[in-house]
N, C-alpha and C. Protein backbone atom coordinates (compact mmCIF):
# COMPACT_ATOMS: atom_id res chain seq x y z
N MET A 1 1.45 -21.57 4.13
CA MET A 1 2.27 -20.59 4.48
C MET A 1 2.92 -20.30 6.05
N PRO A 2 4.40 -20.37 6.12
CA PRO A 2 4.82 -20.47 7.17
C PRO A 2 4.76 -19.15 8.09
N LEU A 3 5.08 -19.11 9.54
CA LEU A 3 5.18 -17.87 10.22
C LEU A 3 6.27 -17.23 9.91
N SER A 4 6.16 -15.81 9.34
CA SER A 4 7.04 -15.05 8.89
C SER A 4 7.95 -14.14 10.05
N LYS A 5 9.03 -14.22 9.96
CA LYS A 5 9.81 -13.30 11.01
C LYS A 5 9.15 -12.07 11.21
N GLU A 6 8.77 -11.31 10.22
CA GLU A 6 7.69 -10.30 10.50
C GLU A 6 6.71 -10.57 11.35
N MET A 7 5.78 -11.35 10.76
CA MET A 7 4.51 -11.55 11.80
C MET A 7 4.96 -12.17 13.43
N ARG A 8 6.14 -12.84 13.50
CA ARG A 8 6.13 -12.82 14.65
C ARG A 8 6.88 -12.05 15.51
N ALA A 9 7.81 -11.03 15.00
CA ALA A 9 8.12 -9.72 15.81
C ALA A 9 6.96 -8.76 15.79
N TYR A 10 5.86 -8.58 15.05
CA TYR A 10 4.66 -7.96 14.98
C TYR A 10 3.78 -8.43 16.30
N LEU A 11 3.69 -9.93 16.22
CA LEU A 11 3.02 -10.26 17.56
C LEU A 11 3.57 -10.39 18.76
N ALA A 12 5.08 -10.17 18.89
CA ALA A 12 5.95 -10.08 20.11
C ALA A 12 5.51 -8.81 20.18
N SER A 13 5.82 -7.76 19.72
CA SER A 13 5.73 -6.32 19.90
C SER A 13 4.42 -6.04 20.44
N ARG A 14 3.25 -6.52 20.00
CA ARG A 14 1.98 -6.29 19.95
C ARG A 14 1.40 -6.71 21.54
N TYR A 15 2.00 -8.21 21.77
CA TYR A 15 1.50 -8.92 22.75
C TYR A 15 2.75 -8.86 24.08
N ASP A 16 4.16 -8.13 23.83
CA ASP A 16 5.12 -7.94 24.84
C ASP A 16 5.28 -9.45 25.13
N CYS A 17 6.00 -10.45 24.15
CA CYS A 17 6.11 -11.75 24.53
C CYS A 17 7.40 -11.95 23.49
N ASP A 18 8.09 -13.29 24.20
CA ASP A 18 9.43 -13.58 23.66
C ASP A 18 8.61 -14.45 21.83
N PRO A 19 8.86 -13.75 21.13
CA PRO A 19 8.79 -14.26 19.61
C PRO A 19 9.09 -15.82 19.06
N HIS A 20 10.06 -16.33 19.71
CA HIS A 20 10.33 -17.75 19.68
C HIS A 20 9.54 -18.90 20.62
N LYS A 21 9.74 -18.34 22.08
CA LYS A 21 9.09 -19.51 22.91
C LYS A 21 7.51 -19.23 23.22
N GLU A 22 6.98 -17.92 22.68
CA GLU A 22 5.56 -17.83 23.44
C GLU A 22 4.82 -18.05 22.32
N ILE A 23 5.15 -17.65 20.92
CA ILE A 23 4.15 -17.76 19.88
C ILE A 23 3.91 -19.26 19.24
N LEU A 24 3.08 -19.92 19.16
CA LEU A 24 2.97 -21.19 18.65
C LEU A 24 1.96 -21.05 17.13
N PHE A 25 2.38 -21.86 16.34
CA PHE A 25 2.17 -21.87 15.10
C PHE A 25 1.51 -23.27 14.73
N ASP A 26 0.63 -23.85 14.13
CA ASP A 26 0.03 -25.01 13.70
C ASP A 26 -0.74 -24.75 12.66
N GLY A 27 -0.11 -25.29 11.55
CA GLY A 27 -0.78 -24.70 10.14
C GLY A 27 -1.22 -23.47 10.15
N ASP A 28 -2.52 -23.08 9.92
CA ASP A 28 -2.54 -21.46 9.91
C ASP A 28 -3.48 -21.09 10.76
N ALA A 29 -2.90 -21.47 12.00
CA ALA A 29 -3.42 -21.09 13.38
C ALA A 29 -2.38 -20.69 14.22
N VAL A 30 -2.38 -19.55 14.71
CA VAL A 30 -1.28 -19.13 15.77
C VAL A 30 -2.21 -18.65 17.32
N SER A 31 -1.05 -19.16 17.97
CA SER A 31 -1.84 -18.59 19.49
C SER A 31 -0.46 -17.67 20.12
N VAL A 32 -0.92 -16.89 20.94
CA VAL A 32 0.22 -16.33 21.79
C VAL A 32 -0.03 -16.62 23.25
N ILE A 33 0.93 -17.47 23.86
CA ILE A 33 0.67 -17.99 25.27
C ILE A 33 2.03 -17.15 25.91
N ALA A 34 1.69 -16.72 27.16
CA ALA A 34 2.65 -16.04 27.97
C ALA A 34 2.14 -16.39 29.55
N MET A 35 3.34 -16.00 30.04
CA MET A 35 3.13 -15.78 31.65
C MET A 35 2.97 -14.54 32.26
N LEU A 36 2.31 -14.21 32.48
CA LEU A 36 1.98 -13.23 33.25
C LEU A 36 2.49 -12.72 34.43
N SER A 37 2.71 -11.34 35.04
CA SER A 37 3.83 -11.21 35.92
C SER A 37 3.07 -11.40 37.14
N ASP A 38 1.66 -11.79 37.36
CA ASP A 38 0.79 -12.10 38.53
C ASP A 38 0.51 -13.58 38.87
N GLY A 39 0.95 -14.19 37.67
CA GLY A 39 0.03 -15.48 37.65
C GLY A 39 1.05 -16.79 37.76
N ASN A 40 1.23 -17.96 38.22
CA ASN A 40 1.62 -19.14 38.06
C ASN A 40 1.37 -19.91 36.76
N GLU A 41 0.55 -19.51 36.17
CA GLU A 41 0.02 -20.44 34.65
C GLU A 41 0.18 -19.50 33.64
N PRO A 42 0.71 -20.04 32.33
CA PRO A 42 0.74 -19.37 31.19
C PRO A 42 -0.89 -18.97 30.86
N GLU A 43 -1.13 -18.04 30.24
CA GLU A 43 -2.68 -17.12 29.94
C GLU A 43 -2.26 -17.21 28.01
N GLN A 44 -3.03 -17.38 27.44
CA GLN A 44 -3.55 -17.35 26.32
C GLN A 44 -3.93 -15.42 26.11
N LEU A 45 -3.00 -15.03 25.08
CA LEU A 45 -3.43 -13.91 25.10
C LEU A 45 -3.86 -13.43 23.53
N PHE A 46 -3.60 -14.54 22.71
CA PHE A 46 -4.13 -13.71 21.32
C PHE A 46 -4.28 -15.92 20.49
N ALA A 47 -5.50 -15.68 19.70
CA ALA A 47 -5.69 -16.91 18.87
C ALA A 47 -6.09 -16.54 17.51
N GLY A 48 -5.83 -17.17 16.84
CA GLY A 48 -6.17 -16.18 15.36
C GLY A 48 -5.73 -17.06 14.12
N TYR A 49 -5.87 -16.68 13.13
CA TYR A 49 -5.72 -17.24 12.13
C TYR A 49 -4.68 -16.45 11.10
N LEU A 50 -3.51 -16.90 10.32
CA LEU A 50 -2.70 -16.30 9.88
C LEU A 50 -3.29 -15.08 8.81
N ALA A 51 -4.40 -15.34 8.16
CA ALA A 51 -4.62 -14.11 7.19
C ALA A 51 -5.26 -12.92 8.17
N ASP A 52 -5.63 -13.20 9.36
CA ASP A 52 -6.09 -12.13 10.23
C ASP A 52 -5.29 -11.67 10.73
N ILE A 53 -3.95 -12.08 11.05
CA ILE A 53 -2.69 -11.62 11.61
C ILE A 53 -2.03 -10.66 10.60
N GLU A 54 -2.01 -11.30 9.22
CA GLU A 54 -1.83 -10.34 8.23
C GLU A 54 -2.28 -9.18 8.06
N ARG A 55 -3.92 -8.85 8.28
CA ARG A 55 -4.47 -7.94 7.99
C ARG A 55 -4.09 -7.03 8.77
N ASP A 56 -4.09 -7.64 10.21
CA ASP A 56 -4.10 -6.54 11.41
C ASP A 56 -2.53 -5.92 11.32
N MET A 57 -1.84 -6.82 10.91
CA MET A 57 -0.20 -6.19 10.67
C MET A 57 -0.20 -4.91 9.94
N HIS A 58 -0.68 -5.36 8.62
CA HIS A 58 -0.57 -4.30 7.65
C HIS A 58 -1.61 -3.33 7.98
N ARG A 59 -2.68 -3.17 8.47
CA ARG A 59 -3.74 -2.32 8.71
C ARG A 59 -2.52 -1.06 10.01
N ASP A 60 -2.14 -1.98 11.11
CA ASP A 60 -1.42 -1.24 11.92
C ASP A 60 -0.19 -0.51 11.55
N LEU A 61 0.40 -1.31 10.51
CA LEU A 61 1.68 -0.72 10.09
C LEU A 61 1.57 0.31 8.87
N GLY A 62 0.08 0.44 8.49
CA GLY A 62 -0.08 0.87 7.49
C GLY A 62 0.65 1.00 5.96
N THR A 63 0.65 -0.61 5.79
CA THR A 63 1.25 -0.85 4.55
C THR A 63 0.16 -1.64 3.72
N GLU A 64 0.43 -1.84 2.60
CA GLU A 64 -0.49 -2.56 1.15
C GLU A 64 -0.69 -3.76 1.91
N LEU A 65 -2.02 -4.36 1.71
CA LEU A 65 -2.27 -5.64 1.88
C LEU A 65 -2.26 -6.32 0.19
N PRO A 66 -1.45 -7.66 0.66
CA PRO A 66 -1.72 -8.40 -0.80
C PRO A 66 -2.80 -8.59 -1.34
N ASN A 67 -3.13 -8.69 -2.72
CA ASN A 67 -4.65 -9.00 -3.31
C ASN A 67 -4.75 -10.28 -2.64
N GLU A 68 -4.12 -11.37 -2.88
CA GLU A 68 -4.56 -12.88 -2.17
C GLU A 68 -5.09 -12.97 -0.87
N LEU A 69 -4.95 -11.96 0.34
CA LEU A 69 -5.39 -11.75 1.09
C LEU A 69 -6.35 -10.82 1.32
N GLY A 70 -7.25 -10.49 0.73
CA GLY A 70 -8.20 -9.62 0.49
C GLY A 70 -8.16 -8.18 0.19
N ALA A 71 -7.26 -7.32 -0.43
CA ALA A 71 -7.27 -6.30 -0.63
C ALA A 71 -8.19 -6.16 -1.65
N THR A 72 -8.87 -4.87 -1.91
CA THR A 72 -9.60 -4.42 -2.94
C THR A 72 -9.38 -3.28 -3.90
């Protein structure tokens, strides 16, 4: 499953980062890497899997979780 525009926008908003440069996607793993204002090195702000992001996004936005992602 590719990283959707909605997921990129959600992560960019949540971690205050560039959705095209600072969100890395590999298979079903996602990392948010950003330069913090007080540092010279990039820091990993988030690492997780698509299903976890999907659940968090639906929870935070108050929308229904699709059944294939664990809705009951």
